[in-house]
Amino acid sequence: MIGTHGWTLHSWAILLHIVLFAYWLGGDLGVFYSSRFILKPELSAEARGIAVKIMHVVDMSPRICLVLFLPSGITLMAADDLGRDVFGGWRLAAVWTLALGWLWLVIADYRRRPGRFGVLVHRTDLAVRIGLVAALLGAAAYTFAADEPFGVTSNPKWLAGKVVAYALCIAGGLMIRVKLRPFGAAWATLVSKGSDPAVERDIRGAVQGSIPYVLAIWTLVVVAALLGVVKPGTTAY
């Protein structure tokens, strides 16, 4: 087992994993706090618009962390004696290349303008997320079922649980998108025509409808961190 002290690939991967964990939850808390001001009809449209802009910018932190959490986790496995043969070398390079491609999609989707290219980027990012959820849940199911999954003999079922938590975080993000769909049209109406009960109802419904999935993601991130630290059931020491 490779030690975590000194500047090794393992220690760098742990540092990156910790930083991503902190900025993921910290950014999400900032988005959640900003959203509270959007729901206040007593504020002016300008003030609420500032809250929307803050929320939009801060939300890039958890989006980026979500993407990089996967390659940083695989780097941790590749830096371990038990995972080097399965995840190291060209496989690790391929994971990082694909992850950076996904990150480009996420940033391009954030900055997209109306048009066919923007729609293509958005749909491609959506397809990547759906595909990852399916693939990760499949890999986790195999790890739970197999005696020596991927040739690993140290009972890595804790890792399967961590993968499930990560996959459900991606799925939770997709559900947040679904719940927030009415927000754009309602917000555009508020800005152009002003507030009315129907607009406020749509805005509140969209934001509050996403809250259960936000709380689920926070819980799942902590569960993933707990599993990664405790590694319950593993036979590797």
C-alpha atoms as a PDB file:
ATOM      1  CA  MET A   1       0.000   0.000   0.000  1.00  0.00           C
ATOM      2  CA  ILE A   2       1.419   3.405  -0.970  1.00  0.00           C
ATOM      3  CA  GLY A   3       1.720   5.852   1.908  1.00  0.00           C
ATOM      4  CA  THR A   4       0.064   9.225   1.818  1.00  0.00           C
ATOM      5  CA  HIS A   5       3.017  11.182   3.236  1.00  0.00           C
ATOM      6  CA  GLY A   6       5.378  13.135   0.963  1.00  0.00           C
ATOM      7  CA  TRP A   7       4.671  14.537  -2.481  1.00  0.00           C
ATOM      8  CA  THR A   8       3.527  11.408  -4.256  1.00  0.00           C
ATOM      9  CA  LEU A   9       0.781  10.926  -6.832  1.00  0.00           C
ATOM     10  CA  HIS A  10      -1.353   9.544  -4.007  1.00  0.00           C
ATOM     11  CA  SER A  11      -0.903  12.615  -1.785  1.00  0.00           C
ATOM     12  CA  TRP A  12      -1.580  15.002  -4.668  1.00  0.00           C
ATOM     13  CA  ALA A  13      -4.745  13.071  -5.531  1.00  0.00           C
ATOM     14  CA  ILE A  14      -5.905  13.204  -1.907  1.00  0.00           C
ATOM     15  CA  LEU A  15      -5.272  16.962  -1.801  1.00  0.00           C
ATOM     16  CA  LEU A  16      -7.276  17.466  -4.996  1.00  0.00           C
ATOM     17  CA  HIS A  17     -10.089  15.272  -3.666  1.00  0.00           C
ATOM     18  CA  ILE A  18     -10.278  17.305  -0.442  1.00  0.00           C
ATOM     19  CA  VAL A  19     -10.246  20.637  -2.289  1.00  0.00           C
ATOM     20  CA  LEU A  20     -13.006  19.467  -4.629  1.00  0.00           C
ATOM     21  CA  PHE A  21     -15.073  18.283  -1.649  1.00  0.00           C
ATOM     22  CA  ALA A  22     -14.728  21.674   0.065  1.00  0.00           C
ATOM     23  CA  TYR A  23     -15.510  23.771  -3.000  1.00  0.00           C
ATOM     24  CA  TRP A  24     -18.412  21.520  -4.002  1.00  0.00           C
ATOM     25  CA  LEU A  25     -20.283  21.881  -0.712  1.00  0.00           C
ATOM     26  CA  GLY A  26     -19.149  25.476  -0.155  1.00  0.00           C
ATOM     27  CA  GLY A  27     -20.305  26.551  -3.610  1.00  0.00           C
ATOM     28  CA  ASP A  28     -23.608  24.744  -3.211  1.00  0.00           C
ATOM     29  CA  LEU A  29     -24.218  26.519   0.096  1.00  0.00           C
ATOM     30  CA  GLY A  30     -23.567  29.851  -1.625  1.00  0.00           C
ATOM     31  CA  VAL A  31     -26.054  29.022  -4.370  1.00  0.00           C
ATOM     32  CA  PHE A  32     -28.648  27.934  -1.827  1.00  0.00           C
ATOM     33  CA  TYR A  33     -28.231  31.104   0.244  1.00  0.00           C
ATOM     34  CA  SER A  34     -28.472  33.343  -2.841  1.00  0.00           C
ATOM     35  CA  SER A  35     -31.662  31.612  -3.927  1.00  0.00           C
ATOM     36  CA  ARG A  36     -33.401  32.767  -0.733  1.00  0.00           C
ATOM     37  CA  PHE A  37     -33.272  36.382  -1.975  1.00  0.00           C
ATOM     38  CA  ILE A  38     -34.816  35.448  -5.318  1.00  0.00           C
ATOM     39  CA  LEU A  39     -37.940  34.330  -3.474  1.00  0.00           C
ATOM     40  CA  LYS A  40     -38.523  37.692  -1.776  1.00  0.00           C
ATOM     41  CA  PRO A  41     -41.173  39.646  -3.730  1.00  0.00           C
ATOM     42  CA  GLU A  42     -40.642  42.664  -1.470  1.00  0.00           C
ATOM     43  CA  LEU A  43     -37.228  43.184  -3.080  1.00  0.00           C
ATOM     44  CA  SER A  44     -36.897  45.077  -6.329  1.00  0.00           C
ATOM     45  CA  ALA A  45     -36.417  43.191  -9.587  1.00  0.00           C
ATOM     46  CA  GLU A  46     -32.910  44.686  -9.775  1.00  0.00           C
ATOM     47  CA  ALA A  47     -31.956  43.350  -6.344  1.00  0.00           C
ATOM     48  CA  ARG A  48     -33.360  39.939  -7.117  1.00  0.00           C
ATOM     49  CA  GLY A  49     -31.546  40.010 -10.447  1.00  0.00           C
ATOM     50  CA  ILE A  50     -28.241  40.526  -8.637  1.00  0.00           C
ATOM     51  CA  ALA A  51     -29.017  37.455  -6.536  1.00  0.00           C
ATOM     52  CA  VAL A  52     -29.681  35.465  -9.732  1.00  0.00           C
ATOM     53  CA  LYS A  53     -26.329  36.562 -11.196  1.00  0.00           C
ATOM     54  CA  ILE A  54     -24.481  35.653  -7.984  1.00  0.00           C
ATOM     55  CA  MET A  55     -26.186  32.268  -7.884  1.00  0.00           C
ATOM     56  CA  HIS A  56     -25.367  31.627 -11.541  1.00  0.00           C
ATOM     57  CA  VAL A  57     -21.658  32.424 -11.136  1.00  0.00           C
ATOM     58  CA  VAL A  58     -21.160  30.620  -7.809  1.00  0.00           C
ATOM     59  CA  ASP A  59     -22.907  27.545  -9.205  1.00  0.00           C
ATOM     60  CA  MET A  60     -19.911  26.977 -11.483  1.00  0.00           C
ATOM     61  CA  SER A  61     -17.879  25.818  -8.479  1.00  0.00           C
ATOM     62  CA  PRO A  62     -19.965  22.698  -7.707  1.00  0.00           C
ATOM     63  CA  ARG A  63     -20.402  22.031 -11.437  1.00  0.00           C
ATOM     64  CA  ILE A  64     -16.638  21.938 -11.953  1.00  0.00           C
ATOM     65  CA  CYS A  65     -16.081  19.917  -8.793  1.00  0.00           C
ATOM     66  CA  LEU A  66     -18.687  17.358  -9.854  1.00  0.00           C
ATOM     67  CA  VAL A  67     -16.793  16.753 -13.102  1.00  0.00           C
ATOM     68  CA  LEU A  68     -13.304  16.574 -11.559  1.00  0.00           C
ATOM     69  CA  PHE A  69     -14.402  14.373  -8.659  1.00  0.00           C
ATOM     70  CA  LEU A  70     -14.461  11.363 -10.989  1.00  0.00           C
ATOM     71  CA  PRO A  71     -10.912  11.595 -12.436  1.00  0.00           C
ATOM     72  CA  SER A  72      -9.452  12.611  -9.073  1.00  0.00           C
ATOM     73  CA  GLY A  73     -11.039   9.537  -7.479  1.00  0.00           C
ATOM     74  CA  ILE A  74      -9.708   7.271 -10.224  1.00  0.00           C
ATOM     75  CA  THR A  75      -6.283   8.879  -9.751  1.00  0.00           C
ATOM     76  CA  LEU A  76      -6.462   7.873  -6.085  1.00  0.00           C
ATOM     77  CA  MET A  77      -7.151   4.279  -7.136  1.00  0.00           C
ATOM     78  CA  ALA A  78      -4.409   4.342  -9.779  1.00  0.00           C
ATOM     79  CA  ALA A  79      -1.904   5.582  -7.173  1.00  0.00           C
ATOM     80  CA  ASP A  80      -2.694   2.627  -4.909  1.00  0.00           C
ATOM     81  CA  ASP A  81      -0.858  -0.689  -5.215  1.00  0.00           C
ATOM     82  CA  LEU A  82      -4.142  -2.567  -5.558  1.00  0.00           C
ATOM     83  CA  GLY A  83      -5.501  -0.330  -8.301  1.00  0.00           C
ATOM     84  CA  ARG A  84      -2.430   0.515 -10.356  1.00  0.00           C
ATOM     85  CA  ASP A  85      -2.838  -2.354 -12.816  1.00  0.00           C
ATOM     86  CA  VAL A  86      -6.556  -1.686 -13.303  1.00  0.00           C
ATOM     87  CA  PHE A  87      -6.645   2.123 -13.428  1.00  0.00           C
ATOM     88  CA  GLY A  88      -3.053   3.254 -14.036  1.00  0.00           C
ATOM     89  CA  GLY A  89      -1.086   4.154 -17.147  1.00  0.00           C
ATOM     90  CA  TRP A  90      -2.972   4.894 -20.338  1.00  0.00           C
ATOM     91  CA  ARG A  91      -6.334   4.231 -18.658  1.00  0.00           C
ATOM     92  CA  LEU A  92      -5.772   7.065 -16.199  1.00  0.00           C
ATOM     93  CA  ALA A  93      -4.657   9.364 -19.030  1.00  0.00           C
ATOM     94  CA  ALA A  94      -7.802   8.450 -20.992  1.00  0.00           C
ATOM     95  CA  VAL A  95     -10.038   9.177 -17.980  1.00  0.00           C
ATOM     96  CA  TRP A  96      -8.500  12.620 -17.515  1.00  0.00           C
ATOM     97  CA  THR A  97      -8.760  13.393 -21.235  1.00  0.00           C
ATOM     98  CA  LEU A  98     -12.452  12.466 -21.290  1.00  0.00           C
ATOM     99  CA  ALA A  99     -13.098  14.328 -18.035  1.00  0.00           C
ATOM    100  CA  LEU A 100     -11.471  17.501 -19.359  1.00  0.00           C
ATOM    101  CA  GLY A 101     -13.615  17.162 -22.476  1.00  0.00           C
ATOM    102  CA  TRP A 102     -16.686  16.956 -20.260  1.00  0.00           C
ATOM    103  CA  LEU A 103     -15.449  19.966 -18.296  1.00  0.00           C
ATOM    104  CA  TRP A 104     -15.185  21.906 -21.548  1.00  0.00           C
ATOM    105  CA  LEU A 105     -18.814  20.991 -22.279  1.00  0.00           C
ATOM    106  CA  VAL A 106     -19.881  22.208 -18.831  1.00  0.00           C
ATOM    107  CA  ILE A 107     -18.101  25.546 -19.243  1.00  0.00           C
ATOM    108  CA  ALA A 108     -19.362  25.953 -22.823  1.00  0.00           C
ATOM    109  CA  ASP A 109     -22.903  25.195 -21.661  1.00  0.00           C
ATOM    110  CA  TYR A 110     -22.553  27.830 -18.927  1.00  0.00           C
ATOM    111  CA  ARG A 111     -21.385  30.439 -21.440  1.00  0.00           C
ATOM    112  CA  ARG A 112     -23.617  29.379 -24.336  1.00  0.00           C
ATOM    113  CA  ARG A 113     -25.596  31.802 -26.411  1.00  0.00           C
ATOM    114  CA  PRO A 114     -28.865  31.093 -28.226  1.00  0.00           C
ATOM    115  CA  GLY A 115     -28.291  29.074 -31.361  1.00  0.00           C
ATOM    116  CA  ARG A 116     -27.763  25.585 -32.717  1.00  0.00           C
ATOM    117  CA  PHE A 117     -24.282  25.222 -31.232  1.00  0.00           C
ATOM    118  CA  GLY A 118     -25.536  26.103 -27.759  1.00  0.00           C
ATOM    119  CA  VAL A 119     -28.346  23.574 -28.049  1.00  0.00           C
ATOM    120  CA  LEU A 120     -25.883  20.909 -29.231  1.00  0.00           C
ATOM    121  CA  VAL A 121     -23.549  21.568 -26.302  1.00  0.00           C
ATOM    122  CA  HIS A 122     -26.407  21.424 -23.815  1.00  0.00           C
ATOM    123  CA  ARG A 123     -27.790  18.170 -25.215  1.00  0.00           C
ATOM    124  CA  THR A 124     -24.334  16.580 -25.372  1.00  0.00           C
ATOM    125  CA  ASP A 125     -23.658  17.441 -21.739  1.00  0.00           C
ATOM    126  CA  LEU A 126     -27.050  15.984 -20.829  1.00  0.00           C
ATOM    127  CA  ALA A 127     -26.268  12.768 -22.728  1.00  0.00           C
ATOM    128  CA  VAL A 128     -22.888  12.481 -20.992  1.00  0.00           C
ATOM    129  CA  ARG A 129     -24.519  12.782 -17.570  1.00  0.00           C
ATOM    130  CA  ILE A 130     -27.209  10.212 -18.326  1.00  0.00           C
ATOM    131  CA  GLY A 131     -24.629   7.822 -19.770  1.00  0.00           C
ATOM    132  CA  LEU A 132     -22.365   8.235 -16.740  1.00  0.00           C
ATOM    133  CA  VAL A 133     -25.203   7.566 -14.302  1.00  0.00           C
ATOM    134  CA  ALA A 134     -26.027   4.317 -16.109  1.00  0.00           C
ATOM    135  CA  ALA A 135     -22.380   3.224 -16.474  1.00  0.00           C
ATOM    136  CA  LEU A 136     -21.419   4.040 -12.879  1.00  0.00           C
ATOM    137  CA  LEU A 137     -24.458   2.298 -11.401  1.00  0.00           C
ATOM    138  CA  GLY A 138     -23.696  -0.725 -13.591  1.00  0.00           C
ATOM    139  CA  ALA A 139     -20.060  -0.799 -12.460  1.00  0.00           C
ATOM    140  CA  ALA A 140     -21.157  -0.467  -8.827  1.00  0.00           C
ATOM    141  CA  ALA A 141     -23.671  -3.299  -9.186  1.00  0.00           C
ATOM    142  CA  TYR A 142     -20.943  -5.532 -10.626  1.00  0.00           C
ATOM    143  CA  THR A 143     -18.595  -4.617  -7.772  1.00  0.00           C
ATOM    144  CA  PHE A 144     -21.255  -5.478  -5.214  1.00  0.00           C
ATOM    145  CA  ALA A 145     -22.045  -8.808  -6.901  1.00  0.00           C
ATOM    146  CA  ALA A 146     -18.582 -10.105  -7.845  1.00  0.00           C
ATOM    147  CA  ASP A 147     -16.256 -11.805  -5.352  1.00  0.00           C
ATOM    148  CA  GLU A 148     -13.168 -10.194  -6.882  1.00  0.00           C
ATOM    149  CA  PRO A 149     -14.427  -7.296  -9.023  1.00  0.00           C
ATOM    150  CA  PHE A 150     -11.935  -6.182 -11.679  1.00  0.00           C
ATOM    151  CA  GLY A 151      -9.427  -8.601 -10.148  1.00  0.00           C
ATOM    152  CA  VAL A 152      -9.332  -6.752  -6.809  1.00  0.00           C
ATOM    153  CA  THR A 153      -9.243  -9.074  -3.783  1.00  0.00           C
ATOM    154  CA  SER A 154      -9.569  -6.513  -0.962  1.00  0.00           C
ATOM    155  CA  ASN A 155     -13.407  -6.431  -0.862  1.00  0.00           C
ATOM    156  CA  PRO A 156     -13.858  -2.952  -2.376  1.00  0.00           C
ATOM    157  CA  LYS A 157     -17.620  -2.813  -1.815  1.00  0.00           C
ATOM    158  CA  TRP A 158     -17.118   0.464   0.047  1.00  0.00           C
ATOM    159  CA  LEU A 159     -15.846   1.849  -3.253  1.00  0.00           C
ATOM    160  CA  ALA A 160     -18.983   0.615  -5.008  1.00  0.00           C
ATOM    161  CA  GLY A 161     -21.022   2.535  -2.436  1.00  0.00           C
ATOM    162  CA  LYS A 162     -18.980   5.656  -3.134  1.00  0.00           C
ATOM    163  CA  VAL A 163     -19.559   5.240  -6.878  1.00  0.00           C
ATOM    164  CA  VAL A 164     -23.307   4.883  -6.279  1.00  0.00           C
ATOM    165  CA  ALA A 165     -23.294   8.090  -4.212  1.00  0.00           C
ATOM    166  CA  TYR A 166     -21.447   9.943  -6.986  1.00  0.00           C
ATOM    167  CA  ALA A 167     -23.796   8.610  -9.684  1.00  0.00           C
ATOM    168  CA  LEU A 168     -26.825   9.676  -7.637  1.00  0.00           C
ATOM    169  CA  CYS A 169     -25.281  13.154  -7.263  1.00  0.00           C
ATOM    170  CA  ILE A 170     -25.221  13.427 -11.047  1.00  0.00           C
ATOM    171  CA  ALA A 171     -28.805  12.150 -11.203  1.00  0.00           C
ATOM    172  CA  GLY A 172     -29.816  14.654  -8.520  1.00  0.00           C
ATOM    173  CA  GLY A 173     -28.329  17.453 -10.600  1.00  0.00           C
ATOM    174  CA  LEU A 174     -30.395  16.320 -13.574  1.00  0.00           C
ATOM    175  CA  MET A 175     -33.535  16.395 -11.447  1.00  0.00           C
ATOM    176  CA  ILE A 176     -32.689  19.926 -10.304  1.00  0.00           C
ATOM    177  CA  ARG A 177     -32.575  20.946 -13.963  1.00  0.00           C
ATOM    178  CA  VAL A 178     -36.005  19.426 -14.485  1.00  0.00           C
ATOM    179  CA  LYS A 179     -37.479  21.226 -11.489  1.00  0.00           C
ATOM    180  CA  LEU A 180     -35.944  24.565 -12.522  1.00  0.00           C
ATOM    181  CA  ARG A 181     -37.284  24.508 -16.081  1.00  0.00           C
ATOM    182  CA  PRO A 182     -40.233  26.830 -15.297  1.00  0.00           C
ATOM    183  CA  PHE A 183     -37.900  29.336 -13.671  1.00  0.00           C
ATOM    184  CA  GLY A 184     -36.503  30.857 -16.881  1.00  0.00           C
ATOM    185  CA  ALA A 185     -39.853  31.800 -18.378  1.00  0.00           C
ATOM    186  CA  ALA A 186     -41.208  33.045 -15.046  1.00  0.00           C
ATOM    187  CA  TRP A 187     -38.111  35.147 -14.441  1.00  0.00           C
ATOM    188  CA  ALA A 188     -38.256  36.655 -17.928  1.00  0.00           C
ATOM    189  CA  THR A 189     -41.892  37.636 -17.278  1.00  0.00           C
ATOM    190  CA  LEU A 190     -40.969  39.223 -13.952  1.00  0.00           C
ATOM    191  CA  VAL A 191     -38.184  41.276 -15.551  1.00  0.00           C
ATOM    192  CA  SER A 192     -40.265  42.397 -18.545  1.00  0.00           C
ATOM    193  CA  LYS A 193     -43.720  42.854 -17.004  1.00  0.00           C
ATOM    194  CA  GLY A 194     -43.200  42.916 -13.274  1.00  0.00           C
ATOM    195  CA  SER A 195     -44.340  40.675 -10.457  1.00  0.00           C
ATOM    196  CA  ASP A 196     -47.752  39.093 -10.095  1.00  0.00           C
ATOM    197  CA  PRO A 197     -49.053  36.127  -8.054  1.00  0.00           C
ATOM    198  CA  ALA A 198     -48.716  33.647 -10.927  1.00  0.00           C
ATOM    199  CA  VAL A 199     -45.103  34.639 -11.627  1.00  0.00           C
ATOM    200  CA  GLU A 200     -44.181  34.465  -7.950  1.00  0.00           C
ATOM    201  CA  ARG A 201     -45.848  31.068  -7.680  1.00  0.00           C
ATOM    202  CA  ASP A 202     -43.857  29.705 -10.636  1.00  0.00           C
ATOM    203  CA  ILE A 203     -40.557  31.086  -9.327  1.00  0.00           C
ATOM    204  CA  ARG A 204     -41.142  29.761  -5.813  1.00  0.00           C
ATOM    205  CA  GLY A 205     -42.341  26.398  -7.098  1.00  0.00           C
ATOM    206  CA  ALA A 206     -39.275  25.950  -9.295  1.00  0.00           C
ATOM    207  CA  VAL A 207     -36.765  26.905  -6.607  1.00  0.00           C
ATOM    208  CA  GLN A 208     -38.429  25.047  -3.758  1.00  0.00           C
ATOM    209  CA  GLY A 209     -39.059  21.998  -5.931  1.00  0.00           C
ATOM    210  CA  SER A 210     -35.304  21.608  -6.380  1.00  0.00           C
ATOM    211  CA  ILE A 211     -34.495  21.786  -2.650  1.00  0.00           C
ATOM    212  CA  PRO A 212     -35.010  18.052  -1.877  1.00  0.00           C
ATOM    213  CA  TYR A 213     -32.491  17.160  -4.583  1.00  0.00           C
ATOM    214  CA  VAL A 214     -30.032  19.765  -3.317  1.00  0.00           C
ATOM    215  CA  LEU A 215     -30.249  18.298   0.189  1.00  0.00           C
ATOM    216  CA  ALA A 216     -29.871  14.795  -1.246  1.00  0.00           C
ATOM    217  CA  ILE A 217     -26.686  15.823  -3.076  1.00  0.00           C
ATOM    218  CA  TRP A 218     -25.216  17.331   0.104  1.00  0.00           C
ATOM    219  CA  THR A 219     -25.954  14.107   1.954  1.00  0.00           C
ATOM    220  CA  LEU A 220     -24.522  11.929  -0.804  1.00  0.00           C
ATOM    221  CA  VAL A 221     -21.300  13.951  -0.983  1.00  0.00           C
ATOM    222  CA  VAL A 222     -20.794  13.469   2.762  1.00  0.00           C
ATOM    223  CA  VAL A 223     -21.603   9.743   2.437  1.00  0.00           C
ATOM    224  CA  ALA A 224     -19.024   9.422  -0.354  1.00  0.00           C
ATOM    225  CA  ALA A 225     -16.426  11.180   1.790  1.00  0.00           C
ATOM    226  CA  LEU A 226     -17.246   8.963   4.780  1.00  0.00           C
ATOM    227  CA  LEU A 227     -16.911   5.781   2.726  1.00  0.00           C
ATOM    228  CA  GLY A 228     -13.615   6.981   1.294  1.00  0.00           C
ATOM    229  CA  VAL A 229     -12.168   7.657   4.744  1.00  0.00           C
ATOM    230  CA  VAL A 230     -13.527   4.655   6.678  1.00  0.00           C
ATOM    231  CA  LYS A 231     -13.474   2.073   3.817  1.00  0.00           C
ATOM    232  CA  PRO A 232     -15.794  -0.295   5.702  1.00  0.00           C
ATOM    233  CA  GLY A 233     -15.270  -3.983   5.062  1.00  0.00           C
ATOM    234  CA  THR A 234     -12.002  -3.653   3.147  1.00  0.00           C
ATOM    235  CA  THR A 235      -9.351  -6.309   3.728  1.00  0.00           C
ATOM    236  CA  ALA A 236      -6.473  -4.056   2.640  1.00  0.00           C
ATOM    237  CA  TYR A 237      -4.283  -2.514   5.335  1.00  0.00           C
END
